[in-house]
Amino acid sequence: MQVSSRLGSKSILHSSCATYQSACATSRGTLYVVGKNVHGCVDPNSPEGEVITRPMILDCIDNIRVAQVSCGYDHTAVLSANGSVLTWGSNLHGQLGHHFNCHQKVESTDYQGPTNCRPKGMALGMGRRASSIACGTNYTLVLT
């Protein structure tokens, strides 16, 4: 039996999987995603709950050279070749790192996923670059 794949004979640099989604970065820096789009964790521009059964290129970051990917429970993060970190999906617990201040009174709609937009960069601090990332259930860890 022969199985066709959109990945074909591409060289995989890094891969990650979680409850709903899997993702991999090729040696050329292209990101492929697959899974159930819960809170936009697979593709923030696809409908909620859509199941993507074959790996697809995440078009909204096609200008980013991806070096590493990590999948959390319902969010995803990538580390670019230049050391920036982009995240998307649920931000219910502030796991995307998009300037959610826990001391500030905000409405739940201000920070809950899905993001429904292009993945956004995390603020790492002036001149800081990430060297590694890891996602867990409700967090994203970034080593600088």
N, C-alpha and C. Protein backbone atom coordinates (compact mmCIF):
# COMPACT_ATOMS: atom_id res chain seq x y z
N MET A 1 0.84 -1.17 0.00
CA MET A 1 0.00 0.00 0.00
C MET A 1 0.89 1.24 0.00
N GLN A 2 0.54 2.19 -0.83
CA GLN A 2 1.29 3.43 -0.92
C GLN A 2 0.46 4.54 -0.31
N VAL A 3 1.07 5.33 0.57
CA VAL A 3 0.39 6.43 1.23
C VAL A 3 0.93 7.73 0.68
N SER A 4 0.04 8.59 0.22
CA SER A 4 0.50 9.89 -0.26
C SER A 4 0.43 10.88 0.90
N SER A 5 1.30 11.84 0.86
CA SER A 5 1.37 12.83 1.92
C SER A 5 1.76 14.17 1.34
N ARG A 6 1.24 15.22 1.92
CA ARG A 6 1.64 16.56 1.50
C ARG A 6 3.06 16.85 1.92
N LEU A 7 3.57 16.09 2.88
CA LEU A 7 4.94 16.28 3.32
C LEU A 7 5.93 15.61 2.37
N GLY A 8 5.45 14.60 1.64
CA GLY A 8 6.30 13.95 0.66
C GLY A 8 7.63 13.55 1.25
N SER A 9 8.70 13.98 0.61
CA SER A 9 10.05 13.63 1.08
C SER A 9 10.72 14.83 1.74
N LYS A 10 9.94 15.74 2.30
CA LYS A 10 10.52 16.91 2.96
C LYS A 10 11.27 16.50 4.23
N SER A 11 12.32 17.21 4.51
CA SER A 11 13.11 16.95 5.70
C SER A 11 12.50 17.69 6.89
N ILE A 12 12.09 16.94 7.93
CA ILE A 12 11.45 17.54 9.10
C ILE A 12 12.52 17.94 10.11
N LEU A 13 12.50 19.21 10.47
CA LEU A 13 13.46 19.76 11.43
C LEU A 13 12.97 19.60 12.86
N HIS A 14 11.66 19.83 13.07
CA HIS A 14 11.10 19.78 14.41
C HIS A 14 9.62 19.45 14.31
N SER A 15 9.10 18.71 15.30
CA SER A 15 7.67 18.40 15.32
C SER A 15 7.15 18.44 16.75
N SER A 16 5.83 18.59 16.87
CA SER A 16 5.20 18.63 18.18
C SER A 16 3.74 18.20 18.02
N CYS A 17 3.19 17.64 19.09
CA CYS A 17 1.77 17.27 19.06
C CYS A 17 1.17 17.51 20.43
N ALA A 18 -0.14 17.68 20.45
CA ALA A 18 -0.88 17.90 21.69
C ALA A 18 -2.24 17.23 21.55
N THR A 19 -3.16 17.58 22.40
CA THR A 19 -4.47 16.96 22.41
C THR A 19 -5.20 17.10 21.09
N TYR A 20 -5.19 18.29 20.52
CA TYR A 20 -5.98 18.56 19.32
C TYR A 20 -5.17 18.70 18.04
N GLN A 21 -3.91 19.05 18.12
CA GLN A 21 -3.17 19.39 16.92
C GLN A 21 -1.75 18.82 16.92
N SER A 22 -1.23 18.72 15.72
CA SER A 22 0.17 18.36 15.51
C SER A 22 0.73 19.35 14.51
N ALA A 23 2.03 19.60 14.61
CA ALA A 23 2.67 20.54 13.70
C ALA A 23 4.11 20.12 13.49
N CYS A 24 4.65 20.49 12.34
CA CYS A 24 6.06 20.22 12.09
C CYS A 24 6.66 21.33 11.25
N ALA A 25 7.92 21.57 11.48
CA ALA A 25 8.68 22.56 10.72
C ALA A 25 9.68 21.82 9.85
N THR A 26 9.74 22.20 8.59
CA THR A 26 10.68 21.56 7.67
C THR A 26 12.04 22.25 7.75
N SER A 27 13.03 21.64 7.15
CA SER A 27 14.37 22.22 7.13
C SER A 27 14.40 23.53 6.35
N ARG A 28 13.40 23.79 5.54
CA ARG A 28 13.29 25.06 4.80
C ARG A 28 12.52 26.11 5.59
N GLY A 29 12.06 25.78 6.80
CA GLY A 29 11.37 26.74 7.66
C GLY A 29 9.88 26.85 7.42
N THR A 30 9.31 25.91 6.70
CA THR A 30 7.87 25.91 6.44
C THR A 30 7.15 25.16 7.55
N LEU A 31 6.02 25.70 8.01
CA LEU A 31 5.25 25.06 9.06
C LEU A 31 4.04 24.35 8.48
N TYR A 32 3.89 23.08 8.83
CA TYR A 32 2.72 22.29 8.47
C TYR A 32 1.92 22.01 9.73
N VAL A 33 0.60 22.12 9.64
CA VAL A 33 -0.28 21.87 10.78
C VAL A 33 -1.38 20.89 10.39
N VAL A 34 -1.91 20.19 11.39
CA VAL A 34 -2.99 19.24 11.16
C VAL A 34 -3.72 19.05 12.49
N GLY A 35 -5.01 18.71 12.44
CA GLY A 35 -5.75 18.42 13.66
C GLY A 35 -7.11 19.10 13.71
N LYS A 36 -7.69 19.11 14.91
CA LYS A 36 -8.98 19.74 15.14
C LYS A 36 -8.75 21.18 15.60
N ASN A 37 -9.35 22.12 14.92
CA ASN A 37 -9.10 23.54 15.15
C ASN A 37 -9.89 24.06 16.36
N VAL A 38 -9.50 23.63 17.54
CA VAL A 38 -10.13 24.07 18.78
C VAL A 38 -9.50 25.39 19.21
N HIS A 39 -10.31 26.42 19.34
CA HIS A 39 -9.87 27.76 19.70
C HIS A 39 -8.82 28.32 18.75
N GLY A 40 -8.80 27.85 17.53
CA GLY A 40 -7.86 28.37 16.54
C GLY A 40 -6.46 27.83 16.68
N CYS A 41 -6.28 26.71 17.40
CA CYS A 41 -4.93 26.19 17.66
C CYS A 41 -4.24 25.62 16.41
N VAL A 42 -5.00 25.22 15.41
CA VAL A 42 -4.41 24.73 14.17
C VAL A 42 -4.22 25.88 13.20
N ASP A 43 -5.30 26.53 12.84
CA ASP A 43 -5.27 27.66 11.91
C ASP A 43 -6.25 28.72 12.42
N PRO A 44 -5.74 29.85 12.89
CA PRO A 44 -6.63 30.88 13.46
C PRO A 44 -7.60 31.47 12.44
N ASN A 45 -7.41 31.19 11.17
CA ASN A 45 -8.31 31.73 10.15
C ASN A 45 -9.31 30.69 9.64
N SER A 46 -9.31 29.51 10.22
CA SER A 46 -10.26 28.45 9.86
C SER A 46 -11.39 28.40 10.88
N PRO A 47 -12.54 27.85 10.49
CA PRO A 47 -13.68 27.78 11.42
C PRO A 47 -13.37 26.96 12.68
N GLU A 48 -13.98 27.36 13.78
CA GLU A 48 -13.86 26.65 15.05
C GLU A 48 -14.32 25.21 14.87
N GLY A 49 -13.52 24.26 15.35
CA GLY A 49 -13.86 22.85 15.31
C GLY A 49 -13.60 22.15 13.99
N GLU A 50 -13.16 22.88 12.97
CA GLU A 50 -12.87 22.23 11.69
C GLU A 50 -11.74 21.22 11.88
N VAL A 51 -11.89 20.05 11.27
CA VAL A 51 -10.87 19.02 11.36
C VAL A 51 -10.05 19.03 10.07
N ILE A 52 -8.77 19.27 10.22
CA ILE A 52 -7.85 19.28 9.08
C ILE A 52 -7.12 17.94 9.12
N THR A 53 -7.42 17.08 8.16
CA THR A 53 -6.94 15.69 8.20
C THR A 53 -5.62 15.47 7.48
N ARG A 54 -5.22 16.40 6.62
CA ARG A 54 -3.94 16.28 5.92
C ARG A 54 -3.10 17.50 6.24
N PRO A 55 -1.81 17.32 6.45
CA PRO A 55 -0.96 18.46 6.78
C PRO A 55 -1.10 19.59 5.76
N MET A 56 -1.26 20.81 6.28
CA MET A 56 -1.36 21.98 5.42
C MET A 56 -0.37 23.04 5.88
N ILE A 57 0.09 23.83 4.94
CA ILE A 57 0.98 24.94 5.26
C ILE A 57 0.15 26.02 5.92
N LEU A 58 0.65 26.56 7.04
CA LEU A 58 -0.05 27.65 7.70
C LEU A 58 0.31 28.94 6.95
N ASP A 59 -0.57 29.33 6.05
CA ASP A 59 -0.31 30.45 5.15
C ASP A 59 -0.07 31.78 5.86
N CYS A 60 -0.72 31.98 7.01
CA CYS A 60 -0.62 33.29 7.66
C CYS A 60 0.76 33.56 8.26
N ILE A 61 1.66 32.57 8.25
CA ILE A 61 3.04 32.83 8.67
C ILE A 61 4.04 32.37 7.61
N ASP A 62 3.62 32.35 6.36
CA ASP A 62 4.50 31.84 5.31
C ASP A 62 5.73 32.71 5.07
N ASN A 63 5.74 33.93 5.63
CA ASN A 63 6.91 34.79 5.50
C ASN A 63 7.90 34.62 6.66
N ILE A 64 7.60 33.70 7.58
CA ILE A 64 8.45 33.43 8.75
C ILE A 64 9.19 32.12 8.52
N ARG A 65 10.48 32.12 8.77
CA ARG A 65 11.26 30.87 8.71
C ARG A 65 11.19 30.22 10.09
N VAL A 66 10.44 29.14 10.20
CA VAL A 66 10.20 28.48 11.48
C VAL A 66 11.34 27.53 11.80
N ALA A 67 11.90 27.68 13.02
CA ALA A 67 12.99 26.82 13.47
C ALA A 67 12.50 25.76 14.45
N GLN A 68 11.43 26.09 15.21
CA GLN A 68 10.90 25.17 16.21
C GLN A 68 9.41 25.41 16.36
N VAL A 69 8.67 24.38 16.69
CA VAL A 69 7.24 24.49 16.95
C VAL A 69 6.91 23.73 18.23
N SER A 70 5.93 24.24 18.98
CA SER A 70 5.46 23.54 20.17
C SER A 70 3.95 23.70 20.26
N CYS A 71 3.27 22.60 20.56
CA CYS A 71 1.81 22.59 20.67
C CYS A 71 1.41 22.45 22.13
N GLY A 72 0.54 23.35 22.59
CA GLY A 72 -0.06 23.25 23.92
C GLY A 72 -1.43 22.62 23.79
N TYR A 73 -2.16 22.60 24.88
CA TYR A 73 -3.49 21.97 24.88
C TYR A 73 -4.37 22.51 23.75
N ASP A 74 -4.52 23.83 23.68
CA ASP A 74 -5.32 24.44 22.62
C ASP A 74 -4.68 25.74 22.13
N HIS A 75 -3.37 25.73 22.07
CA HIS A 75 -2.62 26.84 21.50
C HIS A 75 -1.33 26.31 20.89
N THR A 76 -0.71 27.12 20.05
CA THR A 76 0.50 26.71 19.35
C THR A 76 1.49 27.87 19.35
N ALA A 77 2.78 27.54 19.40
CA ALA A 77 3.83 28.55 19.36
C ALA A 77 4.91 28.12 18.37
N VAL A 78 5.51 29.10 17.72
CA VAL A 78 6.67 28.82 16.86
C VAL A 78 7.80 29.76 17.23
N LEU A 79 9.00 29.25 17.08
CA LEU A 79 10.22 30.03 17.24
C LEU A 79 10.77 30.25 15.84
N SER A 80 10.96 31.51 15.48
CA SER A 80 11.48 31.81 14.15
C SER A 80 13.00 31.72 14.15
N ALA A 81 13.56 31.65 12.98
CA ALA A 81 15.01 31.56 12.82
C ALA A 81 15.72 32.79 13.39
N ASN A 82 15.02 33.93 13.49
CA ASN A 82 15.65 35.14 14.03
C ASN A 82 15.42 35.31 15.52
N GLY A 83 14.80 34.32 16.18
CA GLY A 83 14.65 34.35 17.63
C GLY A 83 13.35 34.96 18.14
N SER A 84 12.42 35.27 17.26
CA SER A 84 11.13 35.78 17.72
C SER A 84 10.18 34.60 17.94
N VAL A 85 9.16 34.82 18.77
CA VAL A 85 8.18 33.78 19.10
C VAL A 85 6.79 34.29 18.72
N LEU A 86 6.06 33.48 17.96
CA LEU A 86 4.69 33.80 17.59
C LEU A 86 3.77 32.74 18.18
N THR A 87 2.60 33.17 18.67
CA THR A 87 1.65 32.26 19.30
C THR A 87 0.24 32.52 18.78
N TRP A 88 -0.60 31.47 18.82
CA TRP A 88 -2.00 31.60 18.45
C TRP A 88 -2.80 30.49 19.09
N GLY A 89 -4.12 30.68 19.12
CA GLY A 89 -5.03 29.73 19.74
C GLY A 89 -5.70 30.34 20.95
N SER A 90 -6.02 29.52 21.94
CA SER A 90 -6.68 30.02 23.15
C SER A 90 -5.71 30.83 24.00
N ASN A 91 -6.23 31.91 24.57
CA ASN A 91 -5.45 32.73 25.49
C ASN A 91 -6.19 32.88 26.82
N LEU A 92 -7.00 31.89 27.15
CA LEU A 92 -7.82 31.93 28.35
C LEU A 92 -6.98 32.16 29.61
N HIS A 93 -5.79 31.60 29.66
CA HIS A 93 -4.93 31.72 30.84
C HIS A 93 -3.73 32.63 30.58
N GLY A 94 -3.77 33.41 29.49
CA GLY A 94 -2.66 34.30 29.16
C GLY A 94 -1.49 33.58 28.54
N GLN A 95 -1.69 32.31 28.10
CA GLN A 95 -0.59 31.48 27.61
C GLN A 95 0.00 31.95 26.29
N LEU A 96 -0.65 32.87 25.60
CA LEU A 96 -0.09 33.37 24.34
C LEU A 96 0.92 34.48 24.56
N GLY A 97 0.92 35.08 25.75
CA GLY A 97 1.88 36.14 26.03
C GLY A 97 1.61 37.42 25.26
N HIS A 98 0.33 37.71 25.02
CA HIS A 98 -0.03 38.90 24.26
C HIS A 98 -0.46 40.04 25.17
N HIS A 99 0.43 40.47 26.01
CA HIS A 99 0.23 41.64 26.88
C HIS A 99 -1.02 41.57 27.73
N PHE A 100 -1.33 40.40 28.27
CA PHE A 100 -2.43 40.28 29.22
C PHE A 100 -1.87 40.56 30.60
N ASN A 101 -2.37 41.60 31.24
CA ASN A 101 -1.92 41.99 32.57
C ASN A 101 -2.89 41.42 33.59
N CYS A 102 -2.43 40.48 34.43
CA CYS A 102 -3.33 39.82 35.37
C CYS A 102 -3.79 40.75 36.49
N HIS A 103 -3.15 41.91 36.68
CA HIS A 103 -3.57 42.86 37.72
C HIS A 103 -4.58 43.86 37.19
N GLN A 104 -4.81 43.84 35.91
CA GLN A 104 -5.73 44.76 35.26
C GLN A 104 -7.10 44.09 35.15
N LYS A 105 -8.15 44.82 35.49
CA LYS A 105 -9.50 44.25 35.36
C LYS A 105 -9.89 44.27 33.89
N VAL A 106 -10.12 43.08 33.32
CA VAL A 106 -10.51 42.98 31.93
C VAL A 106 -11.72 42.07 31.81
N GLU A 107 -12.46 42.26 30.78
CA GLU A 107 -13.58 41.37 30.49
C GLU A 107 -13.02 40.09 29.89
N SER A 108 -13.68 38.98 30.13
CA SER A 108 -13.17 37.70 29.64
C SER A 108 -13.04 37.68 28.12
N THR A 109 -13.85 38.44 27.41
CA THR A 109 -13.76 38.46 25.96
C THR A 109 -12.51 39.16 25.47
N ASP A 110 -11.82 39.88 26.36
CA ASP A 110 -10.60 40.58 25.96
C ASP A 110 -9.42 39.63 25.77
N TYR A 111 -9.46 38.47 26.39
CA TYR A 111 -8.29 37.60 26.29
C TYR A 111 -8.60 36.15 25.99
N GLN A 112 -9.84 35.77 25.85
CA GLN A 112 -10.16 34.39 25.52
C GLN A 112 -9.99 34.15 24.03
N GLY A 113 -9.57 32.93 23.67
CA GLY A 113 -9.43 32.54 22.27
C GLY A 113 -10.79 32.26 21.68
N PRO A 114 -10.88 31.99 20.41
CA PRO A 114 -9.74 31.97 19.51
C PRO A 114 -9.28 33.37 19.12
N THR A 115 -8.07 33.44 18.63
CA THR A 115 -7.51 34.73 18.26
C THR A 115 -8.12 35.23 16.96
N ASN A 116 -8.44 34.32 16.03
CA ASN A 116 -9.05 34.67 14.75
C ASN A 116 -8.30 35.77 14.02
N CYS A 117 -6.99 35.74 14.08
CA CYS A 117 -6.16 36.70 13.37
C CYS A 117 -4.80 36.06 13.12
N ARG A 118 -3.94 36.79 12.47
CA ARG A 118 -2.59 36.30 12.27
C ARG A 118 -1.95 36.00 13.62
N PRO A 119 -1.12 34.99 13.70
CA PRO A 119 -0.38 34.77 14.93
C PRO A 119 0.39 36.02 15.33
N LYS A 120 0.45 36.28 16.62
CA LYS A 120 1.09 37.50 17.12
C LYS A 120 2.38 37.16 17.84
N GLY A 121 3.30 38.11 17.81
CA GLY A 121 4.57 37.94 18.49
C GLY A 121 4.46 38.18 19.98
N MET A 122 5.25 37.42 20.73
CA MET A 122 5.34 37.63 22.18
C MET A 122 6.36 38.73 22.43
N ALA A 123 6.10 39.55 23.43
CA ALA A 123 7.05 40.58 23.82
C ALA A 123 8.12 39.94 24.70
N LEU A 124 9.33 39.86 24.19
CA LEU A 124 10.42 39.20 24.93
C LEU A 124 11.31 40.21 25.66
N GLY A 125 11.12 41.47 25.41
CA GLY A 125 11.96 42.50 26.00
C GLY A 125 12.94 43.01 24.95
N MET A 126 13.35 44.24 25.13
CA MET A 126 14.21 44.91 24.17
C MET A 126 15.50 44.13 23.92
N GLY A 127 15.74 43.77 22.67
CA GLY A 127 16.96 43.09 22.26
C GLY A 127 17.04 41.62 22.61
N ARG A 128 16.01 41.06 23.22
CA ARG A 128 16.04 39.63 23.59
C ARG A 128 15.57 38.76 22.44
N ARG A 129 16.23 37.61 22.32
CA ARG A 129 15.85 36.62 21.33
C ARG A 129 15.67 35.29 22.03
N ALA A 130 14.70 34.55 21.58
CA ALA A 130 14.44 33.24 22.17
C ALA A 130 15.38 32.20 21.57
N SER A 131 15.73 31.19 22.37
CA SER A 131 16.56 30.10 21.88
C SER A 131 15.80 28.79 21.86
N SER A 132 14.69 28.72 22.63
CA SER A 132 13.89 27.49 22.67
C SER A 132 12.51 27.81 23.23
N ILE A 133 11.51 27.01 22.85
CA ILE A 133 10.15 27.19 23.35
C ILE A 133 9.57 25.83 23.75
N ALA A 134 8.59 25.87 24.65
CA ALA A 134 7.86 24.66 25.04
C ALA A 134 6.48 25.07 25.51
N CYS A 135 5.46 24.40 25.03
CA CYS A 135 4.09 24.68 25.46
C CYS A 135 3.59 23.56 26.35
N GLY A 136 2.80 23.92 27.33
CA GLY A 136 2.12 22.95 28.17
C GLY A 136 0.62 23.19 28.08
N THR A 137 -0.11 22.66 29.01
CA THR A 137 -1.56 22.78 28.98
C THR A 137 -2.01 24.23 28.91
N ASN A 138 -1.54 25.06 29.81
CA ASN A 138 -1.98 26.46 29.88
C ASN A 138 -0.81 27.44 29.97
N TYR A 139 0.31 27.10 29.35
CA TYR A 139 1.46 28.01 29.40
C TYR A 139 2.32 27.84 28.16
N THR A 140 3.16 28.84 27.96
CA THR A 140 4.21 28.78 26.94
C THR A 140 5.50 29.21 27.61
N LEU A 141 6.49 28.37 27.58
CA LEU A 141 7.80 28.64 28.15
C LEU A 141 8.74 29.10 27.04
N VAL A 142 9.46 30.18 27.29
CA VAL A 142 10.41 30.70 26.31
C VAL A 142 11.76 30.88 27.01
N LEU A 143 12.80 30.25 26.45
CA LEU A 143 14.15 30.44 26.95
C LEU A 143 14.83 31.50 26.09
N THR A 144 15.45 32.48 26.74
CA THR A 144 16.16 33.52 26.01
C THR A 144 17.64 33.44 26.31
